[in-house]
Amino acid sequence: MMNAWRYGSLAMLIMIGTLLGGCQEDDSAPSTLAVDSVHKADQGWPRTLMTIEGPVTLERPPKRIVSTSVTLTGTLIALDAPVVASGATTPNTEVANAQGFFRQWSEQAKSRGIKPLYTTEPNAEAIVAANPDLIVIAATGADSALPLYQQLQAIAPTIVVHYDDKNWMTLTTLFGDFLGLEQQAKERLKTFEENVAYFKANATLPPQPTTAMVYYKDNTGANIWTKASAQGQILSELGFTLAPLPESVKGDISMGERSDIVTVSGERFPDAVTGHTALLFSAESEQVKQVMSNGYLSETAPVLGQQIYAVGNDTFRMDYYSASNLVERLANYFVNDSVAHNEH
């Protein structure tokens, strides 16, 4: 009986949303518009974003955005986008607070009254109940609500965005263009680039090249960031040189056919640590001791030279906040007068 009521209730909400929301696709949008590109009318509105599911048009700036992707929420918050609710991850962990929001932007979410919709498993009723006028879905990843797309796009304009093939800066520009928040996007990127420029001008880098990795806390291996990763791109921009990975250790790709991470373990682990310095992502300072005491790595250059640095638990997913935190922590290590963190 309860399940019947739930599905009936959801169907009614979808029917009402269909009547109120109207069509979100714009047949007048340029047929040549590429996926993840935005077309703006000469007067600014309407605006059309081409998604993998087709074009989505907004007649005016949205006022109640629901993000079903906790990864994308941080970028939206940094733009001052009117996010009212967001999907969440497992709460009370090293990376998430009691609401399941990432710690790097959880205070901003709290101050703006953003509500958690659900934990990990997308819930269509919770999304509908938030009364959105725009819904944001990640195309891939553990926080993707793509299976609900057909239901949700009947409620409100619904965009599907890839974050696995873009860095946070590209996403910032994309959302800024589509939501009418271009100025906010420019300001965030300008602030970040100023901090990067300060770091490059004032930092004394540790011995190069650098192995950047997410170290397994059971001491058995790591995920190594590649040049294609958002983390690798930021490090390169800061002046670090990513250490090359031998072909012999490239057999395992983490999370499918991703190009940003290579998984190494066991006897292959030390062969993958080819840098003179190691940066530990998703890690705090206590993990440096674990790496230093790992027998597999005892003969690697970072251990022998004691050039191992933890850059924070919030550095697995990159957004404006975590990227800014990363630059600040690296500055604390390698710049005498550290970069001032511009809290937004």
C-alpha atoms as a PDB file:
ATOM      1  CA  MET A   1       0.000   0.000   0.000  1.00  0.00           C
ATOM      2  CA  MET A   2       2.806   2.424   0.941  1.00  0.00           C
ATOM      3  CA  ASN A   3       4.714   1.792  -2.301  1.00  0.00           C
ATOM      4  CA  ALA A   4       1.549   2.307  -4.318  1.00  0.00           C
ATOM      5  CA  TRP A   5       0.969   5.639  -2.574  1.00  0.00           C
ATOM      6  CA  ARG A   6       4.574   6.729  -3.201  1.00  0.00           C
ATOM      7  CA  TYR A   7       4.490   5.990  -6.897  1.00  0.00           C
ATOM      8  CA  GLY A   8       1.055   7.482  -7.276  1.00  0.00           C
ATOM      9  CA  SER A   9       2.158  10.626  -5.471  1.00  0.00           C
ATOM     10  CA  LEU A  10       5.229  10.945  -7.668  1.00  0.00           C
ATOM     11  CA  ALA A  11       3.198  10.454 -10.841  1.00  0.00           C
ATOM     12  CA  MET A  12       0.815  13.212  -9.784  1.00  0.00           C
ATOM     13  CA  LEU A  13       3.700  15.585  -9.041  1.00  0.00           C
ATOM     14  CA  ILE A  14       5.207  14.851 -12.447  1.00  0.00           C
ATOM     15  CA  MET A  15       1.886  15.466 -14.170  1.00  0.00           C
ATOM     16  CA  ILE A  16       1.489  18.813 -12.388  1.00  0.00           C
ATOM     17  CA  GLY A  17       5.072  19.754 -13.211  1.00  0.00           C
ATOM     18  CA  THR A  18       4.502  18.949 -16.863  1.00  0.00           C
ATOM     19  CA  LEU A  19       1.520  21.275 -16.982  1.00  0.00           C
ATOM     20  CA  LEU A  20       3.393  24.073 -15.230  1.00  0.00           C
ATOM     21  CA  GLY A  21       6.877  23.612 -16.630  1.00  0.00           C
ATOM     22  CA  GLY A  22       6.151  23.456 -20.328  1.00  0.00           C
ATOM     23  CA  CYS A  23       8.655  22.359 -22.923  1.00  0.00           C
ATOM     24  CA  GLN A  24      12.315  22.830 -22.167  1.00  0.00           C
ATOM     25  CA  GLU A  25      13.735  22.077 -25.587  1.00  0.00           C
ATOM     26  CA  ASP A  26      14.194  24.930 -28.044  1.00  0.00           C
ATOM     27  CA  ASP A  27      13.774  24.031 -31.699  1.00  0.00           C
ATOM     28  CA  SER A  28      15.095  27.488 -32.624  1.00  0.00           C
ATOM     29  CA  ALA A  29      18.499  26.800 -31.060  1.00  0.00           C
ATOM     30  CA  PRO A  30      21.314  26.589 -33.632  1.00  0.00           C
ATOM     31  CA  SER A  31      21.462  23.050 -34.979  1.00  0.00           C
ATOM     32  CA  THR A  32      25.260  23.264 -35.021  1.00  0.00           C
ATOM     33  CA  LEU A  33      25.517  24.045 -31.294  1.00  0.00           C
ATOM     34  CA  ALA A  34      28.056  21.648 -29.801  1.00  0.00           C
ATOM     35  CA  VAL A  35      27.426  19.674 -26.626  1.00  0.00           C
ATOM     36  CA  ASP A  36      28.242  21.790 -23.531  1.00  0.00           C
ATOM     37  CA  SER A  37      28.019  25.002 -25.553  1.00  0.00           C
ATOM     38  CA  VAL A  38      25.713  27.914 -24.713  1.00  0.00           C
ATOM     39  CA  HIS A  39      23.754  30.085 -27.152  1.00  0.00           C
ATOM     40  CA  LYS A  40      22.537  33.464 -25.886  1.00  0.00           C
ATOM     41  CA  ALA A  41      19.945  35.701 -27.469  1.00  0.00           C
ATOM     42  CA  ASP A  42      21.226  39.123 -28.480  1.00  0.00           C
ATOM     43  CA  GLN A  43      19.425  40.680 -25.506  1.00  0.00           C
ATOM     44  CA  GLY A  44      20.853  38.072 -23.093  1.00  0.00           C
ATOM     45  CA  TRP A  45      17.824  35.822 -22.678  1.00  0.00           C
ATOM     46  CA  PRO A  46      16.683  33.203 -23.486  1.00  0.00           C
ATOM     47  CA  ARG A  47      19.775  30.992 -23.272  1.00  0.00           C
ATOM     48  CA  THR A  48      20.210  27.457 -24.570  1.00  0.00           C
ATOM     49  CA  LEU A  49      22.663  24.829 -23.360  1.00  0.00           C
ATOM     50  CA  MET A  50      23.248  21.852 -25.623  1.00  0.00           C
ATOM     51  CA  THR A  51      23.413  18.726 -23.466  1.00  0.00           C
ATOM     52  CA  ILE A  52      23.908  15.071 -24.326  1.00  0.00           C
ATOM     53  CA  GLU A  53      20.124  14.779 -24.059  1.00  0.00           C
ATOM     54  CA  GLY A  54      19.487  17.704 -26.396  1.00  0.00           C
ATOM     55  CA  PRO A  55      19.086  21.490 -26.057  1.00  0.00           C
ATOM     56  CA  VAL A  56      17.703  22.987 -22.841  1.00  0.00           C
ATOM     57  CA  THR A  57      16.460  26.573 -22.852  1.00  0.00           C
ATOM     58  CA  LEU A  58      15.938  29.016 -20.003  1.00  0.00           C
ATOM     59  CA  GLU A  59      13.715  32.009 -20.702  1.00  0.00           C
ATOM     60  CA  ARG A  60      15.031  33.854 -17.642  1.00  0.00           C
ATOM     61  CA  PRO A  61      17.554  33.308 -14.802  1.00  0.00           C
ATOM     62  CA  PRO A  62      16.513  30.419 -12.558  1.00  0.00           C
ATOM     63  CA  LYS A  63      15.563  31.106  -8.948  1.00  0.00           C
ATOM     64  CA  ARG A  64      15.436  27.583  -7.461  1.00  0.00           C
ATOM     65  CA  ILE A  65      18.207  25.284  -8.676  1.00  0.00           C
ATOM     66  CA  VAL A  66      18.373  21.699  -7.455  1.00  0.00           C
ATOM     67  CA  SER A  67      21.711  19.977  -7.961  1.00  0.00           C
ATOM     68  CA  THR A  68      21.508  16.197  -7.885  1.00  0.00           C
ATOM     69  CA  SER A  69      25.320  16.023  -8.042  1.00  0.00           C
ATOM     70  CA  VAL A  70      27.258  16.831  -4.889  1.00  0.00           C
ATOM     71  CA  THR A  71      30.345  17.210  -7.079  1.00  0.00           C
ATOM     72  CA  LEU A  72      28.782  19.954  -9.212  1.00  0.00           C
ATOM     73  CA  THR A  73      27.180  21.748  -6.265  1.00  0.00           C
ATOM     74  CA  GLY A  74      30.428  23.369  -5.140  1.00  0.00           C
ATOM     75  CA  THR A  75      30.914  25.058  -8.515  1.00  0.00           C
ATOM     76  CA  LEU A  76      27.336  26.357  -8.445  1.00  0.00           C
ATOM     77  CA  ILE A  77      27.763  27.720  -4.911  1.00  0.00           C
ATOM     78  CA  ALA A  78      30.972  29.503  -5.880  1.00  0.00           C
ATOM     79  CA  LEU A  79      28.989  31.340  -8.571  1.00  0.00           C
ATOM     80  CA  ASP A  80      26.332  32.468  -6.061  1.00  0.00           C
ATOM     81  CA  ALA A  81      23.834  30.422  -8.074  1.00  0.00           C
ATOM     82  CA  PRO A  82      20.443  30.108  -6.333  1.00  0.00           C
ATOM     83  CA  VAL A  83      20.880  26.491  -5.244  1.00  0.00           C
ATOM     84  CA  VAL A  84      18.123  25.496  -2.799  1.00  0.00           C
ATOM     85  CA  ALA A  85      18.911  21.793  -2.412  1.00  0.00           C
ATOM     86  CA  SER A  86      21.545  19.252  -3.354  1.00  0.00           C
ATOM     87  CA  GLY A  87      22.173  15.563  -3.399  1.00  0.00           C
ATOM     88  CA  ALA A  88      24.644  14.468  -0.727  1.00  0.00           C
ATOM     89  CA  THR A  89      27.279  11.830  -0.135  1.00  0.00           C
ATOM     90  CA  THR A  90      27.863   9.643   2.915  1.00  0.00           C
ATOM     91  CA  PRO A  91      27.778  11.962   5.950  1.00  0.00           C
ATOM     92  CA  ASN A  92      30.306  12.343   8.763  1.00  0.00           C
ATOM     93  CA  THR A  93      33.391  11.282   6.842  1.00  0.00           C
ATOM     94  CA  GLU A  94      36.766  12.898   6.268  1.00  0.00           C
ATOM     95  CA  VAL A  95      35.420  14.612   3.159  1.00  0.00           C
ATOM     96  CA  ALA A  96      31.793  15.321   4.139  1.00  0.00           C
ATOM     97  CA  ASN A  97      29.975  16.928   7.065  1.00  0.00           C
ATOM     98  CA  ALA A  98      26.893  15.672   8.933  1.00  0.00           C
ATOM     99  CA  GLN A  99      24.674  16.631   5.994  1.00  0.00           C
ATOM    100  CA  GLY A 100      26.811  14.789   3.467  1.00  0.00           C
ATOM    101  CA  PHE A 101      28.088  18.030   1.910  1.00  0.00           C
ATOM    102  CA  PHE A 102      31.761  18.381   0.998  1.00  0.00           C
ATOM    103  CA  ARG A 103      33.639  20.127   3.764  1.00  0.00           C
ATOM    104  CA  GLN A 104      35.331  22.673   1.474  1.00  0.00           C
ATOM    105  CA  TRP A 105      31.981  24.391   0.844  1.00  0.00           C
ATOM    106  CA  SER A 106      29.766  23.087   3.643  1.00  0.00           C
ATOM    107  CA  GLU A 107      29.851  26.380   5.550  1.00  0.00           C
ATOM    108  CA  GLN A 108      28.726  28.276   2.466  1.00  0.00           C
ATOM    109  CA  ALA A 109      25.905  25.780   1.980  1.00  0.00           C
ATOM    110  CA  LYS A 110      24.842  26.198   5.608  1.00  0.00           C
ATOM    111  CA  SER A 111      24.843  29.996   5.453  1.00  0.00           C
ATOM    112  CA  ARG A 112      22.661  29.889   2.332  1.00  0.00           C
ATOM    113  CA  GLY A 113      20.208  27.366   3.743  1.00  0.00           C
ATOM    114  CA  ILE A 114      20.868  24.708   1.102  1.00  0.00           C
ATOM    115  CA  LYS A 115      19.082  21.489   2.046  1.00  0.00           C
ATOM    116  CA  PRO A 116      20.365  17.938   1.501  1.00  0.00           C
ATOM    117  CA  LEU A 117      17.945  16.007  -0.709  1.00  0.00           C
ATOM    118  CA  TYR A 118      19.118  12.461  -0.065  1.00  0.00           C
ATOM    119  CA  THR A 119      22.275  10.468   0.655  1.00  0.00           C
ATOM    120  CA  THR A 120      23.974   8.791  -2.336  1.00  0.00           C
ATOM    121  CA  GLU A 121      20.816   7.181  -3.826  1.00  0.00           C
ATOM    122  CA  PRO A 122      18.838   9.694  -5.955  1.00  0.00           C
ATOM    123  CA  ASN A 123      15.257  10.218  -4.806  1.00  0.00           C
ATOM    124  CA  ALA A 124      12.837  11.644  -7.368  1.00  0.00           C
ATOM    125  CA  GLU A 125      10.200  12.622  -4.797  1.00  0.00           C
ATOM    126  CA  ALA A 126      12.718  14.639  -2.785  1.00  0.00           C
ATOM    127  CA  ILE A 127      13.873  16.436  -5.932  1.00  0.00           C
ATOM    128  CA  VAL A 128      10.319  17.266  -7.001  1.00  0.00           C
ATOM    129  CA  ALA A 129       9.376  18.404  -3.493  1.00  0.00           C
ATOM    130  CA  ALA A 130      12.169  21.018  -3.610  1.00  0.00           C
ATOM    131  CA  ASN A 131      10.120  22.799  -6.304  1.00  0.00           C
ATOM    132  CA  PRO A 132      13.018  23.456  -8.701  1.00  0.00           C
ATOM    133  CA  ASP A 133      12.931  25.638 -11.783  1.00  0.00           C
ATOM    134  CA  LEU A 134      16.205  24.056 -12.938  1.00  0.00           C
ATOM    135  CA  ILE A 135      17.614  20.593 -12.201  1.00  0.00           C
ATOM    136  CA  VAL A 136      21.296  19.737 -12.644  1.00  0.00           C
ATOM    137  CA  ILE A 137      22.384  16.130 -13.251  1.00  0.00           C
ATOM    138  CA  ALA A 138      25.889  14.720 -13.607  1.00  0.00           C
ATOM    139  CA  ALA A 139      26.267  12.557 -16.701  1.00  0.00           C
ATOM    140  CA  THR A 140      28.519  10.038 -14.956  1.00  0.00           C
ATOM    141  CA  GLY A 141      29.960   9.240 -11.556  1.00  0.00           C
ATOM    142  CA  ALA A 142      28.649   7.891  -8.294  1.00  0.00           C
ATOM    143  CA  ASP A 143      26.503  11.000  -7.823  1.00  0.00           C
ATOM    144  CA  SER A 144      24.749  10.784 -11.189  1.00  0.00           C
ATOM    145  CA  ALA A 145      20.945  10.799 -11.194  1.00  0.00           C
ATOM    146  CA  LEU A 146      20.783  10.116 -14.929  1.00  0.00           C
ATOM    147  CA  PRO A 147      18.353   7.166 -14.570  1.00  0.00           C
ATOM    148  CA  LEU A 148      15.769   9.698 -13.322  1.00  0.00           C
ATOM    149  CA  TYR A 149      16.209  12.059 -16.262  1.00  0.00           C
ATOM    150  CA  GLN A 150      12.961  11.231 -18.051  1.00  0.00           C
ATOM    151  CA  GLN A 151      10.945  11.793 -14.874  1.00  0.00           C
ATOM    152  CA  LEU A 152      12.725  14.983 -13.848  1.00  0.00           C
ATOM    153  CA  GLN A 153      12.782  16.742 -17.201  1.00  0.00           C
ATOM    154  CA  ALA A 154       8.971  16.707 -17.088  1.00  0.00           C
ATOM    155  CA  ILE A 155       9.107  18.716 -13.859  1.00  0.00           C
ATOM    156  CA  ALA A 156      11.566  21.465 -14.773  1.00  0.00           C
ATOM    157  CA  PRO A 157      14.321  22.186 -17.313  1.00  0.00           C
ATOM    158  CA  THR A 158      16.954  19.535 -16.624  1.00  0.00           C
ATOM    159  CA  ILE A 159      20.564  19.720 -17.770  1.00  0.00           C
ATOM    160  CA  VAL A 160      22.963  16.783 -17.897  1.00  0.00           C
ATOM    161  CA  VAL A 161      26.600  17.836 -17.514  1.00  0.00           C
ATOM    162  CA  HIS A 162      29.822  15.832 -17.756  1.00  0.00           C
ATOM    163  CA  TYR A 163      32.373  16.686 -15.081  1.00  0.00           C
ATOM    164  CA  ASP A 164      34.726  13.791 -15.780  1.00  0.00           C
ATOM    165  CA  ASP A 165      36.086  15.380 -18.970  1.00  0.00           C
ATOM    166  CA  LYS A 166      36.344  18.988 -17.722  1.00  0.00           C
ATOM    167  CA  ASN A 167      38.273  20.821 -15.070  1.00  0.00           C
ATOM    168  CA  TRP A 168      36.458  22.989 -12.542  1.00  0.00           C
ATOM    169  CA  MET A 169      37.412  26.161 -14.397  1.00  0.00           C
ATOM    170  CA  THR A 170      35.686  24.999 -17.575  1.00  0.00           C
ATOM    171  CA  LEU A 171      32.599  24.064 -15.560  1.00  0.00           C
ATOM    172  CA  THR A 172      32.632  27.470 -13.889  1.00  0.00           C
ATOM    173  CA  THR A 173      32.590  29.204 -17.268  1.00  0.00           C
ATOM    174  CA  LEU A 174      29.899  26.854 -18.600  1.00  0.00           C
ATOM    175  CA  PHE A 175      27.528  27.417 -15.673  1.00  0.00           C
ATOM    176  CA  GLY A 176      28.278  31.135 -15.667  1.00  0.00           C
ATOM    177  CA  ASP A 177      27.318  31.461 -19.319  1.00  0.00           C
ATOM    178  CA  PHE A 178      24.132  29.414 -19.014  1.00  0.00           C
ATOM    179  CA  LEU A 179      22.861  30.888 -15.747  1.00  0.00           C
ATOM    180  CA  GLY A 180      23.656  34.524 -16.485  1.00  0.00           C
ATOM    181  CA  LEU A 181      26.450  34.557 -13.908  1.00  0.00           C
ATOM    182  CA  GLU A 182      29.299  35.432 -16.243  1.00  0.00           C
ATOM    183  CA  GLN A 183      30.663  38.160 -13.985  1.00  0.00           C
ATOM    184  CA  GLN A 184      30.805  35.870 -10.957  1.00  0.00           C
ATOM    185  CA  ALA A 185      32.598  33.251 -13.054  1.00  0.00           C
ATOM    186  CA  LYS A 186      35.173  35.790 -14.227  1.00  0.00           C
ATOM    187  CA  GLU A 187      35.773  36.970 -10.665  1.00  0.00           C
ATOM    188  CA  ARG A 188      36.313  33.452  -9.289  1.00  0.00           C
ATOM    189  CA  LEU A 189      38.696  32.545 -12.104  1.00  0.00           C
ATOM    190  CA  LYS A 190      40.559  35.854 -11.746  1.00  0.00           C
ATOM    191  CA  THR A 191      41.008  35.315  -7.994  1.00  0.00           C
ATOM    192  CA  PHE A 192      42.297  31.805  -8.530  1.00  0.00           C
ATOM    193  CA  GLU A 193      44.676  32.844 -11.301  1.00  0.00           C
ATOM    194  CA  GLU A 194      46.041  35.646  -9.125  1.00  0.00           C
ATOM    195  CA  ASN A 195      46.851  33.119  -6.399  1.00  0.00           C
ATOM    196  CA  VAL A 196      48.457  30.805  -8.951  1.00  0.00           C
ATOM    197  CA  ALA A 197      50.564  33.690 -10.290  1.00  0.00           C
ATOM    198  CA  TYR A 198      51.643  34.630  -6.758  1.00  0.00           C
ATOM    199  CA  PHE A 199      52.644  31.040  -6.049  1.00  0.00           C
ATOM    200  CA  LYS A 200      54.669  30.724  -9.249  1.00  0.00           C
ATOM    201  CA  ALA A 201      56.455  33.988  -8.576  1.00  0.00           C
ATOM    202  CA  ASN A 202      57.318  33.238  -4.955  1.00  0.00           C
ATOM    203  CA  ALA A 203      57.476  29.464  -4.438  1.00  0.00           C
ATOM    204  CA  THR A 204      60.628  27.416  -4.126  1.00  0.00           C
ATOM    205  CA  LEU A 205      59.497  24.056  -5.451  1.00  0.00           C
ATOM    206  CA  PRO A 206      60.686  20.781  -3.947  1.00  0.00           C
ATOM    207  CA  PRO A 207      62.824  18.475  -6.122  1.00  0.00           C
ATOM    208  CA  GLN A 208      61.096  17.671  -9.386  1.00  0.00           C
ATOM    209  CA  PRO A 209      59.406  15.716 -10.913  1.00  0.00           C
ATOM    210  CA  THR A 210      56.445  15.035  -8.621  1.00  0.00           C
ATOM    211  CA  THR A 211      54.297  11.958  -8.106  1.00  0.00           C
ATOM    212  CA  ALA A 212      50.769  13.050  -7.153  1.00  0.00           C
ATOM    213  CA  MET A 213      48.634  10.302  -5.663  1.00  0.00           C
ATOM    214  CA  VAL A 214      45.739   9.200  -3.489  1.00  0.00           C
ATOM    215  CA  TYR A 215      47.404   6.791  -1.078  1.00  0.00           C
ATOM    216  CA  TYR A 216      45.481   3.736   0.125  1.00  0.00           C
ATOM    217  CA  LYS A 217      45.255   3.789   3.890  1.00  0.00           C
ATOM    218  CA  ASP A 218      45.790   0.028   4.031  1.00  0.00           C
ATOM    219  CA  ASN A 219      49.282   0.698   2.629  1.00  0.00           C
ATOM    220  CA  THR A 220      48.775  -1.553  -0.402  1.00  0.00           C
ATOM    221  CA  GLY A 221      48.854   0.961  -3.239  1.00  0.00           C
ATOM    222  CA  ALA A 222      47.591   4.236  -4.637  1.00  0.00           C
ATOM    223  CA  ASN A 223      45.768   6.023  -7.413  1.00  0.00           C
ATOM    224  CA  ILE A 224      48.270   8.106  -9.358  1.00  0.00           C
ATOM    225  CA  TRP A 225      47.014  11.345 -10.914  1.00  0.00           C
ATOM    226  CA  THR A 226      47.947  11.809 -14.571  1.00  0.00           C
ATOM    227  CA  LYS A 227      48.461  15.009 -16.553  1.00  0.00           C
ATOM    228  CA  ALA A 228      44.866  14.676 -17.775  1.00  0.00           C
ATOM    229  CA  SER A 229      43.448  14.958 -14.251  1.00  0.00           C
ATOM    230  CA  ALA A 230      42.159  18.227 -12.804  1.00  0.00           C
ATOM    231  CA  GLN A 231      44.745  17.813 -10.052  1.00  0.00           C
ATOM    232  CA  GLY A 232      47.518  17.276 -12.574  1.00  0.00           C
ATOM    233  CA  GLN A 233      46.457  20.313 -14.574  1.00  0.00           C
ATOM    234  CA  ILE A 234      46.565  22.558 -11.502  1.00  0.00           C
ATOM    235  CA  LEU A 235      49.985  21.231 -10.495  1.00  0.00           C
ATOM    236  CA  SER A 236      51.309  21.845 -13.995  1.00  0.00           C
ATOM    237  CA  GLU A 237      49.948  25.394 -13.929  1.00  0.00           C
ATOM    238  CA  LEU A 238      51.706  25.953 -10.601  1.00  0.00           C
ATOM    239  CA  GLY A 239      55.024  24.884 -12.121  1.00  0.00           C
ATOM    240  CA  PHE A 240      55.257  21.294 -10.909  1.00  0.00           C
ATOM    241  CA  THR A 241      56.412  18.602 -13.322  1.00  0.00           C
ATOM    242  CA  LEU A 242      54.404  15.391 -13.072  1.00  0.00           C
ATOM    243  CA  ALA A 243      56.608  12.321 -12.960  1.00  0.00           C
ATOM    244  CA  PRO A 244      56.156   9.942 -15.907  1.00  0.00           C
ATOM    245  CA  LEU A 245      54.572   6.561 -15.283  1.00  0.00           C
ATOM    246  CA  PRO A 246      56.345   3.503 -16.710  1.00  0.00           C
ATOM    247  CA  GLU A 247      54.291   1.543 -19.220  1.00  0.00           C
ATOM    248  CA  SER A 248      54.655  -1.497 -16.970  1.00  0.00           C
ATOM    249  CA  VAL A 249      52.395   0.014 -14.310  1.00  0.00           C
ATOM    250  CA  LYS A 250      49.629   1.339 -16.575  1.00  0.00           C
ATOM    251  CA  GLY A 251      47.585  -1.838 -16.730  1.00  0.00           C
ATOM    252  CA  ASP A 252      44.922  -0.801 -14.193  1.00  0.00           C
ATOM    253  CA  ILE A 253      42.685   2.183 -14.839  1.00  0.00           C
ATOM    254  CA  SER A 254      40.566   3.285 -11.885  1.00  0.00           C
ATOM    255  CA  MET A 255      36.799   3.532 -12.259  1.00  0.00           C
ATOM    256  CA  GLY A 256      36.548   2.268 -15.823  1.00  0.00           C
ATOM    257  CA  GLU A 257      38.338   3.875 -18.751  1.00  0.00           C
ATOM    258  CA  ARG A 258      39.231   7.099 -16.979  1.00  0.00           C
ATOM    259  CA  SER A 259      42.387   8.824 -18.152  1.00  0.00           C
ATOM    260  CA  ASP A 260      42.946  10.872 -15.008  1.00  0.00           C
ATOM    261  CA  ILE A 261      43.927   8.092 -12.597  1.00  0.00           C
ATOM    262  CA  VAL A 262      46.142   5.018 -12.827  1.00  0.00           C
ATOM    263  CA  THR A 263      45.761   2.430 -10.082  1.00  0.00           C
ATOM    264  CA  VAL A 264      48.909   0.720  -8.783  1.00  0.00           C
ATOM    265  CA  SER A 265      49.376  -1.797  -5.996  1.00  0.00           C
ATOM    266  CA  GLY A 266      51.647  -4.465  -4.600  1.00  0.00           C
ATOM    267  CA  GLU A 267      55.033  -4.946  -6.195  1.00  0.00           C
ATOM    268  CA  ARG A 268      54.215  -2.455  -8.950  1.00  0.00           C
ATOM    269  CA  PHE A 269      53.616   0.333  -6.442  1.00  0.00           C
ATOM    270  CA  PRO A 270      57.248   1.465  -5.999  1.00  0.00           C
ATOM    271  CA  ASP A 271      57.794   1.344  -9.774  1.00  0.00           C
ATOM    272  CA  ALA A 272      55.029   3.954 -10.143  1.00  0.00           C
ATOM    273  CA  VAL A 273      56.577   6.396  -7.660  1.00  0.00           C
ATOM    274  CA  THR A 274      59.128   7.835 -10.065  1.00  0.00           C
ATOM    275  CA  GLY A 275      59.113  11.400  -8.755  1.00  0.00           C
ATOM    276  CA  HIS A 276      61.613  12.975  -6.387  1.00  0.00           C
ATOM    277  CA  THR A 277      58.657  14.474  -4.480  1.00  0.00           C
ATOM    278  CA  ALA A 278      55.295  12.953  -3.573  1.00  0.00           C
ATOM    279  CA  LEU A 279      52.089  14.913  -2.981  1.00  0.00           C
ATOM    280  CA  LEU A 280      49.348  13.036  -1.124  1.00  0.00           C
ATOM    281  CA  PHE A 281      45.836  14.014  -2.150  1.00  0.00           C
ATOM    282  CA  SER A 282      42.785  13.188  -0.016  1.00  0.00           C
ATOM    283  CA  ALA A 283      45.202  13.067   2.904  1.00  0.00           C
ATOM    284  CA  GLU A 284      46.250  14.974   5.995  1.00  0.00           C
ATOM    285  CA  SER A 285      49.674  15.181   7.617  1.00  0.00           C
ATOM    286  CA  GLU A 286      49.380  11.937   9.615  1.00  0.00           C
ATOM    287  CA  GLN A 287      49.355   9.969   6.378  1.00  0.00           C
ATOM    288  CA  VAL A 288      52.864  11.130   5.554  1.00  0.00           C
ATOM    289  CA  LYS A 289      54.136   8.855   8.323  1.00  0.00           C
ATOM    290  CA  GLN A 290      52.301   5.895   6.763  1.00  0.00           C
ATOM    291  CA  VAL A 291      54.022   6.455   3.447  1.00  0.00           C
ATOM    292  CA  MET A 292      57.408   6.922   5.076  1.00  0.00           C
ATOM    293  CA  SER A 293      57.046   3.601   6.890  1.00  0.00           C
ATOM    294  CA  ASN A 294      55.748   1.612   3.904  1.00  0.00           C
ATOM    295  CA  GLY A 295      58.270  -1.116   3.180  1.00  0.00           C
ATOM    296  CA  TYR A 296      57.359  -1.183  -0.523  1.00  0.00           C
ATOM    297  CA  LEU A 297      58.408   2.462  -0.870  1.00  0.00           C
ATOM    298  CA  SER A 298      61.524   2.491   1.308  1.00  0.00           C
ATOM    299  CA  GLU A 299      63.886   2.871  -1.661  1.00  0.00           C
ATOM    300  CA  THR A 300      61.866   5.476  -3.567  1.00  0.00           C
ATOM    301  CA  ALA A 301      63.231   9.007  -3.911  1.00  0.00           C
ATOM    302  CA  PRO A 302      60.440  10.789  -1.955  1.00  0.00           C
ATOM    303  CA  VAL A 303      60.974   8.537   1.060  1.00  0.00           C
ATOM    304  CA  LEU A 304      64.770   8.657   0.922  1.00  0.00           C
ATOM    305  CA  GLY A 305      64.708  12.434   0.526  1.00  0.00           C
ATOM    306  CA  GLN A 306      61.782  12.938   2.940  1.00  0.00           C
ATOM    307  CA  GLN A 307      59.936  14.937   0.295  1.00  0.00           C
ATOM    308  CA  ILE A 308      56.350  13.851   0.998  1.00  0.00           C
ATOM    309  CA  TYR A 309      53.543  16.352   1.563  1.00  0.00           C
ATOM    310  CA  ALA A 310      49.824  15.940   2.329  1.00  0.00           C
ATOM    311  CA  VAL A 311      47.566  18.469   0.591  1.00  0.00           C
ATOM    312  CA  GLY A 312      44.246  17.879   2.366  1.00  0.00           C
ATOM    313  CA  ASN A 313      41.257  15.547   2.498  1.00  0.00           C
ATOM    314  CA  ASP A 314      39.209  17.827   0.249  1.00  0.00           C
ATOM    315  CA  THR A 315      41.393  17.462  -2.851  1.00  0.00           C
ATOM    316  CA  PHE A 316      39.825  14.435  -4.545  1.00  0.00           C
ATOM    317  CA  ARG A 317      37.057  16.505  -6.162  1.00  0.00           C
ATOM    318  CA  MET A 318      38.147  19.851  -7.571  1.00  0.00           C
ATOM    319  CA  ASP A 319      35.987  22.960  -7.420  1.00  0.00           C
ATOM    320  CA  TYR A 320      36.770  26.603  -6.702  1.00  0.00           C
ATOM    321  CA  TYR A 321      36.989  25.962  -2.970  1.00  0.00           C
ATOM    322  CA  SER A 322      39.108  22.805  -3.001  1.00  0.00           C
ATOM    323  CA  ALA A 323      41.376  24.143  -5.762  1.00  0.00           C
ATOM    324  CA  SER A 324      41.923  27.346  -3.769  1.00  0.00           C
ATOM    325  CA  ASN A 325      42.620  25.302  -0.637  1.00  0.00           C
ATOM    326  CA  LEU A 326      45.133  23.218  -2.588  1.00  0.00           C
ATOM    327  CA  VAL A 327      47.063  26.292  -3.726  1.00  0.00           C
ATOM    328  CA  GLU A 328      47.028  27.692  -0.198  1.00  0.00           C
ATOM    329  CA  ARG A 329      48.382  24.473   1.335  1.00  0.00           C
ATOM    330  CA  LEU A 330      51.124  24.204  -1.267  1.00  0.00           C
ATOM    331  CA  ALA A 331      51.984  27.827  -0.551  1.00  0.00           C
ATOM    332  CA  ASN A 332      52.215  27.031   3.152  1.00  0.00           C
ATOM    333  CA  TYR A 333      54.825  24.405   2.270  1.00  0.00           C
ATOM    334  CA  PHE A 334      56.797  26.197  -0.399  1.00  0.00           C
ATOM    335  CA  VAL A 335      56.242  29.972  -0.075  1.00  0.00           C
ATOM    336  CA  ASN A 336      57.578  31.899   2.896  1.00  0.00           C
ATOM    337  CA  ASP A 337      54.668  34.361   2.872  1.00  0.00           C
ATOM    338  CA  SER A 338      51.710  32.099   1.992  1.00  0.00           C
ATOM    339  CA  VAL A 339      49.032  32.975  -0.486  1.00  0.00           C
ATOM    340  CA  ALA A 340      46.119  34.655   1.259  1.00  0.00           C
ATOM    341  CA  HIS A 341      43.080  32.417   0.971  1.00  0.00           C
ATOM    342  CA  ASN A 342      40.194  34.353  -0.544  1.00  0.00           C
ATOM    343  CA  GLU A 343      37.220  32.955   1.315  1.00  0.00           C
ATOM    344  CA  HIS A 344      33.968  33.402  -0.549  1.00  0.00           C
END
